[in-house]
């Protein structure tokens, strides 16, 4: 069942959608999906290094027409994304 939900999320996530934490704060902007992860735009690199960061689909709580809503607060999501960068 969870795999189906993740697949549904992946099909709904599109370029330039805003990614927000469970607290409603901005985490990043979708560049595209890659290897089952959300790849954030380089412009959202908090350390200014111009790197892409990734968020695993498992952290997605819901997807609406404009936003990807995560199941963790923005600060925690940014920390996870910083650990998984390209």
Protein backbone atom coordinates (compact mmCIF):
# COMPACT_ATOMS: atom_id res chain seq x y z
CA UNK A 1 0.00 0.00 0.00
CA UNK A 2 2.77 2.47 0.91
CA UNK A 3 4.58 1.72 -2.37
CA UNK A 4 1.43 2.65 -4.26
CA UNK A 5 1.15 5.95 -2.35
CA UNK A 6 4.80 6.74 -3.12
CA UNK A 7 4.21 5.97 -6.78
CA UNK A 8 1.15 8.24 -6.79
CA UNK A 9 3.21 11.03 -5.23
CA UNK A 10 5.97 10.55 -7.79
CA UNK A 11 3.46 10.84 -10.64
CA UNK A 12 2.03 14.09 -9.21
CA UNK A 13 5.32 15.87 -8.50
CA UNK A 14 6.37 18.18 -11.33
CA UNK A 15 9.10 20.70 -12.07
CA UNK A 16 9.02 23.98 -10.16
CA UNK A 17 6.59 22.83 -7.45
CA UNK A 18 7.30 24.33 -4.05
CA UNK A 19 8.39 21.88 -1.33
CA UNK A 20 7.25 22.79 2.19
CA UNK A 21 7.83 21.22 5.58
CA UNK A 22 5.09 20.06 7.94
CA UNK A 23 5.36 23.51 9.54
CA UNK A 24 4.49 25.17 6.20
CA UNK A 25 7.96 26.69 5.75
CA UNK A 26 9.82 26.62 2.42
CA UNK A 27 12.29 23.77 1.90
CA UNK A 28 13.01 24.12 -1.79
CA UNK A 29 11.77 23.95 -5.36
CA UNK A 30 11.52 20.75 -7.39
CA UNK A 31 14.05 20.51 -10.21
CA UNK A 32 12.82 17.02 -11.18
CA UNK A 33 12.46 13.45 -9.93
CA UNK A 34 15.58 11.31 -9.99
CA UNK A 35 15.96 7.71 -8.79
CA UNK A 36 12.78 7.92 -6.72
CA UNK A 37 13.88 11.12 -4.98
CA UNK A 38 12.94 14.77 -5.33
CA UNK A 39 15.88 16.70 -6.72
CA UNK A 40 15.77 20.32 -5.52
CA UNK A 41 17.00 23.21 -7.64
CA UNK A 42 20.53 24.50 -7.09
CA UNK A 43 19.09 27.90 -6.19
CA UNK A 44 17.81 26.29 -2.97
CA UNK A 45 21.30 25.26 -1.81
CA UNK A 46 21.41 26.77 1.71
CA UNK A 47 25.21 26.87 1.79
CA UNK A 48 25.36 28.74 -1.52
CA UNK A 49 27.57 26.10 -3.12
CA UNK A 50 25.28 25.53 -6.07
CA UNK A 51 24.67 21.86 -5.30
CA UNK A 52 21.50 19.89 -5.92
CA UNK A 53 19.95 18.36 -2.80
CA UNK A 54 17.52 15.46 -2.59
CA UNK A 55 14.48 14.53 -0.52
CA UNK A 56 13.33 10.90 -0.41
CA UNK A 57 9.73 10.22 -1.40
CA UNK A 58 9.24 8.61 2.00
CA UNK A 59 9.21 12.11 3.50
CA UNK A 60 6.26 13.22 1.36
CA UNK A 61 2.97 13.53 3.25
CA UNK A 62 0.86 14.86 0.37
CA UNK A 63 0.97 16.60 -2.98
CA UNK A 64 -1.50 19.25 -4.14
CA UNK A 65 -1.64 21.29 -7.35
CA UNK A 66 1.24 23.61 -6.37
CA UNK A 67 3.08 22.12 -3.40
CA UNK A 68 4.79 19.03 -2.10
CA UNK A 69 4.05 18.74 1.62
CA UNK A 70 6.59 16.86 3.73
CA UNK A 71 5.99 14.89 6.92
CA UNK A 72 8.77 16.68 8.81
CA UNK A 73 9.54 20.33 9.61
CA UNK A 74 11.45 22.42 7.07
CA UNK A 75 14.63 22.71 9.15
CA UNK A 76 14.85 18.94 9.59
CA UNK A 77 14.11 18.38 5.89
CA UNK A 78 16.85 20.81 4.88
CA UNK A 79 19.27 18.95 7.16
CA UNK A 80 18.41 15.65 5.52
CA UNK A 81 18.72 17.19 2.06
CA UNK A 82 22.17 18.60 2.95
CA UNK A 83 23.35 15.07 3.73
CA UNK A 84 22.21 13.85 0.32
CA UNK A 85 23.66 16.27 -2.19
CA UNK A 86 25.21 16.07 -5.63
